[in-house]
């Protein structure tokens, strides 16, 4: 076993992946983005914590709506 182990620099890996992404055609970029979104949605749907995720989403949505109403009430006219 060769020690010490060396791990890749996360910033360098991010830079490389960003460059790879930028070389894609616009259509392929959209496909990559949509694939990422679909994967996230699948993970959410299949999560054992789905009920809590839904509860948090609804709480955040209610807070956002409350903040919007307050802003419109104060600054809307």
PDB file of N, CA and C in Angstrom:
ATOM      1  N   UNK A   1       0.849  -1.174   0.000  1.00  0.00           N
ATOM      2  CA  UNK A   1       0.000   0.000   0.000  1.00  0.00           C
ATOM      3  C   UNK A   1       0.891   1.231   0.000  1.00  0.00           C
ATOM      4  N   UNK A   2       0.619   2.130  -0.930  1.00  0.00           N
ATOM      5  CA  UNK A   2       1.402   3.363  -1.028  1.00  0.00           C
ATOM      6  C   UNK A   2       0.772   4.451  -0.174  1.00  0.00           C
ATOM      7  N   UNK A   3       1.543   4.980   0.733  1.00  0.00           N
ATOM      8  CA  UNK A   3       1.069   6.061   1.582  1.00  0.00           C
ATOM      9  C   UNK A   3       1.996   7.240   1.434  1.00  0.00           C
ATOM     10  N   UNK A   4       1.654   8.435   1.643  1.00  0.00           N
ATOM     11  CA  UNK A   4       0.316   8.895   1.972  1.00  0.00           C
ATOM     12  C   UNK A   4      -0.566   8.947   0.719  1.00  0.00           C
ATOM     13  N   UNK A   5      -1.851   8.726   0.930  1.00  0.00           N
ATOM     14  CA  UNK A   5      -2.797   8.820  -0.179  1.00  0.00           C
ATOM     15  C   UNK A   5      -2.957  10.269  -0.588  1.00  0.00           C
ATOM     16  N   UNK A   6      -3.134  10.463  -1.856  1.00  0.00           N
ATOM     17  CA  UNK A   6      -3.351  11.824  -2.369  1.00  0.00           C
ATOM     18  C   UNK A   6      -4.726  11.878  -3.012  1.00  0.00           C
ATOM     19  N   UNK A   7      -5.493  12.846  -2.580  1.00  0.00           N
ATOM     20  CA  UNK A   7      -6.818  13.032  -3.131  1.00  0.00           C
ATOM     21  C   UNK A   7      -6.786  14.187  -4.123  1.00  0.00           C
ATOM     22  N   UNK A   8      -7.599  14.095  -5.166  1.00  0.00           N
ATOM     23  CA  UNK A   8      -7.613  15.187  -6.146  1.00  0.00           C
ATOM     24  C   UNK A   8      -8.145  16.473  -5.515  1.00  0.00           C
ATOM     25  N   UNK A   9      -7.646  17.566  -6.011  1.00  0.00           N
ATOM     26  CA  UNK A   9      -8.083  18.883  -5.547  1.00  0.00           C
ATOM     27  C   UNK A   9      -9.518  19.114  -6.017  1.00  0.00           C
ATOM     28  N   UNK A  10     -10.467  19.328  -5.098  1.00  0.00           N
ATOM     29  CA  UNK A  10     -11.868  19.502  -5.505  1.00  0.00           C
ATOM     30  C   UNK A  10     -12.078  20.721  -6.408  1.00  0.00           C
ATOM     31  N   UNK A  11     -11.290  21.777  -6.208  1.00  0.00           N
ATOM     32  CA  UNK A  11     -11.425  22.958  -7.060  1.00  0.00           C
ATOM     33  C   UNK A  11     -10.966  22.652  -8.481  1.00  0.00           C
ATOM     34  N   UNK A  12      -9.918  21.869  -8.600  1.00  0.00           N
ATOM     35  CA  UNK A  12      -9.428  21.489  -9.931  1.00  0.00           C
ATOM     36  C   UNK A  12     -10.442  20.597 -10.639  1.00  0.00           C
ATOM     37  N   UNK A  13     -11.032  19.661  -9.899  1.00  0.00           N
ATOM     38  CA  UNK A  13     -12.056  18.800 -10.496  1.00  0.00           C
ATOM     39  C   UNK A  13     -13.260  19.625 -10.945  1.00  0.00           C
ATOM     40  N   UNK A  14     -13.672  20.590 -10.131  1.00  0.00           N
ATOM     41  CA  UNK A  14     -14.803  21.451 -10.489  1.00  0.00           C
ATOM     42  C   UNK A  14     -14.477  22.264 -11.734  1.00  0.00           C
ATOM     43  N   UNK A  15     -13.262  22.778 -11.821  1.00  0.00           N
ATOM     44  CA  UNK A  15     -12.852  23.548 -12.993  1.00  0.00           C
ATOM     45  C   UNK A  15     -12.892  22.682 -14.242  1.00  0.00           C
ATOM     46  N   UNK A  16     -12.383  21.458 -14.142  1.00  0.00           N
ATOM     47  CA  UNK A  16     -12.388  20.548 -15.288  1.00  0.00           C
ATOM     48  C   UNK A  16     -13.809  20.220 -15.729  1.00  0.00           C
ATOM     49  N   UNK A  17     -14.672  19.942 -14.770  1.00  0.00           N
ATOM     50  CA  UNK A  17     -16.057  19.614 -15.119  1.00  0.00           C
ATOM     51  C   UNK A  17     -16.766  20.813 -15.737  1.00  0.00           C
ATOM     52  N   UNK A  18     -16.474  22.013 -15.239  1.00  0.00           N
ATOM     53  CA  UNK A  18     -17.076  23.217 -15.810  1.00  0.00           C
ATOM     54  C   UNK A  18     -16.628  23.409 -17.252  1.00  0.00           C
ATOM     55  N   UNK A  19     -15.343  23.176 -17.511  1.00  0.00           N
ATOM     56  CA  UNK A  19     -14.842  23.296 -18.877  1.00  0.00           C
ATOM     57  C   UNK A  19     -15.491  22.266 -19.798  1.00  0.00           C
ATOM     58  N   UNK A  20     -15.658  21.039 -19.299  1.00  0.00           N
ATOM     59  CA  UNK A  20     -16.329  20.007 -20.091  1.00  0.00           C
ATOM     60  C   UNK A  20     -17.757  20.431 -20.420  1.00  0.00           C
ATOM     61  N   UNK A  21     -18.448  20.967 -19.425  1.00  0.00           N
ATOM     62  CA  UNK A  21     -19.822  21.407 -19.622  1.00  0.00           C
ATOM     63  C   UNK A  21     -19.892  22.534 -20.650  1.00  0.00           C
ATOM     64  N   UNK A  22     -18.954  23.472 -20.568  1.00  0.00           N
ATOM     65  CA  UNK A  22     -18.952  24.611 -21.487  1.00  0.00           C
ATOM     66  C   UNK A  22     -18.673  24.184 -22.929  1.00  0.00           C
ATOM     67  N   UNK A  23     -18.004  23.066 -23.125  1.00  0.00           N
ATOM     68  CA  UNK A  23     -17.728  22.569 -24.474  1.00  0.00           C
ATOM     69  C   UNK A  23     -18.949  21.889 -25.106  1.00  0.00           C
ATOM     70  N   UNK A  24     -19.962  21.566 -24.300  1.00  0.00           N
ATOM     71  CA  UNK A  24     -21.157  20.928 -24.835  1.00  0.00           C
ATOM     72  C   UNK A  24     -21.952  21.908 -25.703  1.00  0.00           C
ATOM     73  N   UNK A  25     -22.718  21.352 -26.625  1.00  0.00           N
ATOM     74  CA  UNK A  25     -23.623  22.188 -27.410  1.00  0.00           C
ATOM     75  C   UNK A  25     -24.756  22.665 -26.488  1.00  0.00           C
ATOM     76  N   UNK A  26     -25.434  23.729 -26.852  1.00  0.00           N
ATOM     77  CA  UNK A  26     -26.552  24.188 -26.019  1.00  0.00           C
ATOM     78  C   UNK A  26     -27.595  23.086 -25.781  1.00  0.00           C
ATOM     79  N   UNK A  27     -27.925  22.311 -26.813  1.00  0.00           N
ATOM     80  CA  UNK A  27     -28.886  21.222 -26.635  1.00  0.00           C
ATOM     81  C   UNK A  27     -28.392  20.194 -25.624  1.00  0.00           C
ATOM     82  N   UNK A  28     -27.130  19.856 -25.695  1.00  0.00           N
ATOM     83  CA  UNK A  28     -26.578  18.874 -24.754  1.00  0.00           C
ATOM     84  C   UNK A  28     -26.481  19.439 -23.339  1.00  0.00           C
ATOM     85  N   UNK A  29     -26.241  20.737 -23.231  1.00  0.00           N
ATOM     86  CA  UNK A  29     -26.234  21.359 -21.897  1.00  0.00           C
ATOM     87  C   UNK A  29     -27.614  21.232 -21.256  1.00  0.00           C
ATOM     88  N   UNK A  30     -28.654  21.536 -22.043  1.00  0.00           N
ATOM     89  CA  UNK A  30     -30.022  21.438 -21.532  1.00  0.00           C
ATOM     90  C   UNK A  30     -30.321  19.996 -21.136  1.00  0.00           C
ATOM     91  N   UNK A  31     -29.895  19.039 -21.949  1.00  0.00           N
ATOM     92  CA  UNK A  31     -30.111  17.626 -21.611  1.00  0.00           C
ATOM     93  C   UNK A  31     -29.440  17.261 -20.287  1.00  0.00           C
ATOM     94  N   UNK A  32     -28.220  17.735 -20.102  1.00  0.00           N
ATOM     95  CA  UNK A  32     -27.493  17.458 -18.849  1.00  0.00           C
ATOM     96  C   UNK A  32     -28.221  18.073 -17.655  1.00  0.00           C
ATOM     97  N   UNK A  33     -28.676  19.303 -17.816  1.00  0.00           N
ATOM     98  CA  UNK A  33     -29.386  19.977 -16.728  1.00  0.00           C
ATOM     99  C   UNK A  33     -30.687  19.245 -16.411  1.00  0.00           C
ATOM    100  N   UNK A  34     -31.435  18.888 -17.445  1.00  0.00           N
ATOM    101  CA  UNK A  34     -32.696  18.178 -17.242  1.00  0.00           C
ATOM    102  C   UNK A  34     -32.465  16.814 -16.589  1.00  0.00           C
ATOM    103  N   UNK A  35     -31.391  16.138 -16.970  1.00  0.00           N
ATOM    104  CA  UNK A  35     -31.072  14.851 -16.350  1.00  0.00           C
ATOM    105  C   UNK A  35     -30.785  15.025 -14.858  1.00  0.00           C
ATOM    106  N   UNK A  36     -30.065  16.074 -14.519  1.00  0.00           N
ATOM    107  CA  UNK A  36     -29.770  16.349 -13.112  1.00  0.00           C
ATOM    108  C   UNK A  36     -31.054  16.633 -12.332  1.00  0.00           C
ATOM    109  N   UNK A  37     -31.934  17.439 -12.915  1.00  0.00           N
ATOM    110  CA  UNK A  37     -33.202  17.752 -12.256  1.00  0.00           C
ATOM    111  C   UNK A  37     -34.042  16.490 -12.079  1.00  0.00           C
ATOM    112  N   UNK A  38     -34.128  15.678 -13.146  1.00  0.00           N
ATOM    113  CA  UNK A  38     -34.916  14.445 -13.068  1.00  0.00           C
ATOM    114  C   UNK A  38     -34.356  13.489 -12.012  1.00  0.00           C
ATOM    115  N   UNK A  39     -33.044  13.421 -11.907  1.00  0.00           N
ATOM    116  CA  UNK A  39     -32.428  12.563 -10.892  1.00  0.00           C
ATOM    117  C   UNK A  39     -32.788  13.056  -9.494  1.00  0.00           C
ATOM    118  N   UNK A  40     -32.720  14.365  -9.285  1.00  0.00           N
ATOM    119  CA  UNK A  40     -33.095  14.925  -7.988  1.00  0.00           C
ATOM    120  C   UNK A  40     -34.549  14.659  -7.646  1.00  0.00           C
ATOM    121  N   UNK A  41     -35.425  14.796  -8.639  1.00  0.00           N
ATOM    122  CA  UNK A  41     -36.842  14.537  -8.397  1.00  0.00           C
ATOM    123  C   UNK A  41     -37.080  13.066  -8.072  1.00  0.00           C
ATOM    124  N   UNK A  42     -36.375  12.176  -8.735  1.00  0.00           N
ATOM    125  CA  UNK A  42     -36.498  10.745  -8.442  1.00  0.00           C
ATOM    126  C   UNK A  42     -36.054  10.459  -7.005  1.00  0.00           C
ATOM    127  N   UNK A  43     -34.934  11.052  -6.608  1.00  0.00           N
ATOM    128  CA  UNK A  43     -34.455  10.850  -5.237  1.00  0.00           C
ATOM    129  C   UNK A  43     -35.464  11.382  -4.217  1.00  0.00           C
ATOM    130  N   UNK A  44     -36.082  12.514  -4.522  1.00  0.00           N
ATOM    131  CA  UNK A  44     -37.104  13.052  -3.616  1.00  0.00           C
ATOM    132  C   UNK A  44     -38.305  12.122  -3.526  1.00  0.00           C
ATOM    133  N   UNK A  45     -38.776  11.631  -4.680  1.00  0.00           N
ATOM    134  CA  UNK A  45     -39.956  10.751  -4.689  1.00  0.00           C
ATOM    135  C   UNK A  45     -39.705   9.459  -3.940  1.00  0.00           C
ATOM    136  N   UNK A  46     -38.492   8.937  -4.032  1.00  0.00           N
ATOM    137  CA  UNK A  46     -38.178   7.640  -3.438  1.00  0.00           C
ATOM    138  C   UNK A  46     -37.633   7.745  -2.016  1.00  0.00           C
ATOM    139  N   UNK A  47     -37.474   8.954  -1.514  1.00  0.00           N
ATOM    140  CA  UNK A  47     -36.876   9.162  -0.205  1.00  0.00           C
ATOM    141  C   UNK A  47     -37.734   8.578   0.914  1.00  0.00           C
ATOM    142  N   UNK A  48     -37.093   7.920   1.888  1.00  0.00           N
ATOM    143  CA  UNK A  48     -37.846   7.454   3.048  1.00  0.00           C
ATOM    144  C   UNK A  48     -38.341   8.629   3.909  1.00  0.00           C
ATOM    145  N   UNK A  49     -37.803   9.821   3.669  1.00  0.00           N
ATOM    146  CA  UNK A  49     -38.201  11.018   4.417  1.00  0.00           C
ATOM    147  C   UNK A  49     -39.153  11.895   3.615  1.00  0.00           C
ATOM    148  N   UNK A  50     -39.843  11.317   2.661  1.00  0.00           N
ATOM    149  CA  UNK A  50     -40.695  12.081   1.747  1.00  0.00           C
ATOM    150  C   UNK A  50     -41.710  12.940   2.490  1.00  0.00           C
ATOM    151  N   UNK A  51     -42.359  12.391   3.509  1.00  0.00           N
ATOM    152  CA  UNK A  51     -43.377  13.155   4.230  1.00  0.00           C
ATOM    153  C   UNK A  51     -42.767  14.419   4.847  1.00  0.00           C
ATOM    154  N   UNK A  52     -41.610  14.297   5.458  1.00  0.00           N
ATOM    155  CA  UNK A  52     -40.955  15.457   6.081  1.00  0.00           C
ATOM    156  C   UNK A  52     -40.512  16.468   5.020  1.00  0.00           C
ATOM    157  N   UNK A  53     -40.046  15.977   3.885  1.00  0.00           N
ATOM    158  CA  UNK A  53     -39.659  16.868   2.786  1.00  0.00           C
ATOM    159  C   UNK A  53     -40.862  17.681   2.333  1.00  0.00           C
ATOM    160  N   UNK A  54     -42.006  17.007   2.171  1.00  0.00           N
ATOM    161  CA  UNK A  54     -43.229  17.706   1.767  1.00  0.00           C
ATOM    162  C   UNK A  54     -43.645  18.735   2.808  1.00  0.00           C
ATOM    163  N   UNK A  55     -43.541  18.380   4.086  1.00  0.00           N
ATOM    164  CA  UNK A  55     -43.895  19.313   5.158  1.00  0.00           C
ATOM    165  C   UNK A  55     -43.003  20.557   5.113  1.00  0.00           C
ATOM    166  N   UNK A  56     -41.704  20.347   4.952  1.00  0.00           N
ATOM    167  CA  UNK A  56     -40.769  21.478   4.880  1.00  0.00           C
ATOM    168  C   UNK A  56     -41.066  22.361   3.676  1.00  0.00           C
ATOM    169  N   UNK A  57     -41.357  21.728   2.545  1.00  0.00           N
ATOM    170  CA  UNK A  57     -41.683  22.492   1.347  1.00  0.00           C
ATOM    171  C   UNK A  57     -42.900  23.372   1.593  1.00  0.00           C
ATOM    172  N   UNK A  58     -43.949  22.800   2.179  1.00  0.00           N
ATOM    173  CA  UNK A  58     -45.160  23.562   2.435  1.00  0.00           C
ATOM    174  C   UNK A  58     -44.918  24.690   3.435  1.00  0.00           C
ATOM    175  N   UNK A  59     -44.095  24.449   4.458  1.00  0.00           N
ATOM    176  CA  UNK A  59     -43.758  25.499   5.424  1.00  0.00           C
ATOM    177  C   UNK A  59     -43.011  26.645   4.739  1.00  0.00           C
ATOM    178  N   UNK A  60     -42.037  26.297   3.913  1.00  0.00           N
ATOM    179  CA  UNK A  60     -41.257  27.330   3.219  1.00  0.00           C
ATOM    180  C   UNK A  60     -42.127  28.108   2.240  1.00  0.00           C
ATOM    181  N   UNK A  61     -43.016  27.408   1.556  1.00  0.00           N
ATOM    182  CA  UNK A  61     -43.925  28.077   0.627  1.00  0.00           C
ATOM    183  C   UNK A  61     -44.836  29.038   1.379  1.00  0.00           C
ATOM    184  N   UNK A  62     -45.375  28.616   2.515  1.00  0.00           N
ATOM    185  CA  UNK A  62     -46.236  29.486   3.319  1.00  0.00           C
ATOM    186  C   UNK A  62     -45.463  30.711   3.802  1.00  0.00           C
ATOM    187  N   UNK A  63     -44.213  30.522   4.234  1.00  0.00           N
ATOM    188  CA  UNK A  63     -43.385  31.653   4.677  1.00  0.00           C
ATOM    189  C   UNK A  63     -43.120  32.618   3.523  1.00  0.00           C
ATOM    190  N   UNK A  64     -42.824  32.064   2.350  1.00  0.00           N
ATOM    191  CA  UNK A  64     -42.546  32.906   1.190  1.00  0.00           C
ATOM    192  C   UNK A  64     -43.790  33.718   0.816  1.00  0.00           C
ATOM    193  N   UNK A  65     -44.964  33.086   0.840  1.00  0.00           N
ATOM    194  CA  UNK A  65     -46.195  33.800   0.524  1.00  0.00           C
ATOM    195  C   UNK A  65     -46.475  34.895   1.553  1.00  0.00           C
ATOM    196  N   UNK A  66     -46.218  34.585   2.818  1.00  0.00           N
ATOM    197  CA  UNK A  66     -46.420  35.585   3.871  1.00  0.00           C
ATOM    198  C   UNK A  66     -45.497  36.788   3.643  1.00  0.00           C
ATOM    199  N   UNK A  67     -44.222  36.516   3.310  1.00  0.00           N
ATOM    200  CA  UNK A  67     -43.272  37.602   3.059  1.00  0.00           C
ATOM    201  C   UNK A  67     -43.684  38.435   1.852  1.00  0.00           C
ATOM    202  N   UNK A  68     -44.152  37.788   0.804  1.00  0.00           N
ATOM    203  CA  UNK A  68     -44.594  38.531  -0.377  1.00  0.00           C
ATOM    204  C   UNK A  68     -45.778  39.431  -0.041  1.00  0.00           C
ATOM    205  N   UNK A  69     -46.746  38.903   0.691  1.00  0.00           N
ATOM    206  CA  UNK A  69     -47.917  39.701   1.067  1.00  0.00           C
ATOM    207  C   UNK A  69     -47.491  40.907   1.906  1.00  0.00           C
ATOM    208  N   UNK A  70     -46.549  40.674   2.823  1.00  0.00           N
ATOM    209  CA  UNK A  70     -46.069  41.779   3.668  1.00  0.00           C
ATOM    210  C   UNK A  70     -45.365  42.840   2.824  1.00  0.00           C
ATOM    211  N   UNK A  71     -44.528  42.411   1.883  1.00  0.00           N
ATOM    212  CA  UNK A  71     -43.835  43.372   1.024  1.00  0.00           C
ATOM    213  C   UNK A  71     -44.818  44.161   0.165  1.00  0.00           C
ATOM    214  N   UNK A  72     -45.819  43.488  -0.400  1.00  0.00           N
ATOM    215  CA  UNK A  72     -46.808  44.193  -1.213  1.00  0.00           C
ATOM    216  C   UNK A  72     -47.635  45.159  -0.356  1.00  0.00           C
ATOM    217  N   UNK A  73     -47.951  44.741   0.863  1.00  0.00           N
ATOM    218  CA  UNK A  73     -48.712  45.596   1.745  1.00  0.00           C
ATOM    219  C   UNK A  73     -47.910  46.865   2.084  1.00  0.00           C
ATOM    220  N   UNK A  74     -46.598  46.701   2.354  1.00  0.00           N
ATOM    221  CA  UNK A  74     -45.765  47.836   2.740  1.00  0.00           C
ATOM    222  C   UNK A  74     -45.377  48.709   1.555  1.00  0.00           C
ATOM    223  N   UNK A  75     -45.055  48.076   0.429  1.00  0.00           N
ATOM    224  CA  UNK A  75     -44.446  48.832  -0.674  1.00  0.00           C
ATOM    225  C   UNK A  75     -45.246  48.783  -1.975  1.00  0.00           C
ATOM    226  N   UNK A  76     -46.385  48.150  -1.952  1.00  0.00           N
ATOM    227  CA  UNK A  76     -47.129  47.912  -3.192  1.00  0.00           C
ATOM    228  C   UNK A  76     -47.984  49.070  -3.687  1.00  0.00           C
ATOM    229  N   UNK A  77     -48.133  50.086  -2.938  1.00  0.00           N
ATOM    230  CA  UNK A  77     -48.962  51.139  -3.504  1.00  0.00           C
ATOM    231  C   UNK A  77     -49.478  52.048  -2.528  1.00  0.00           C
TER     232      UNK A  77
END
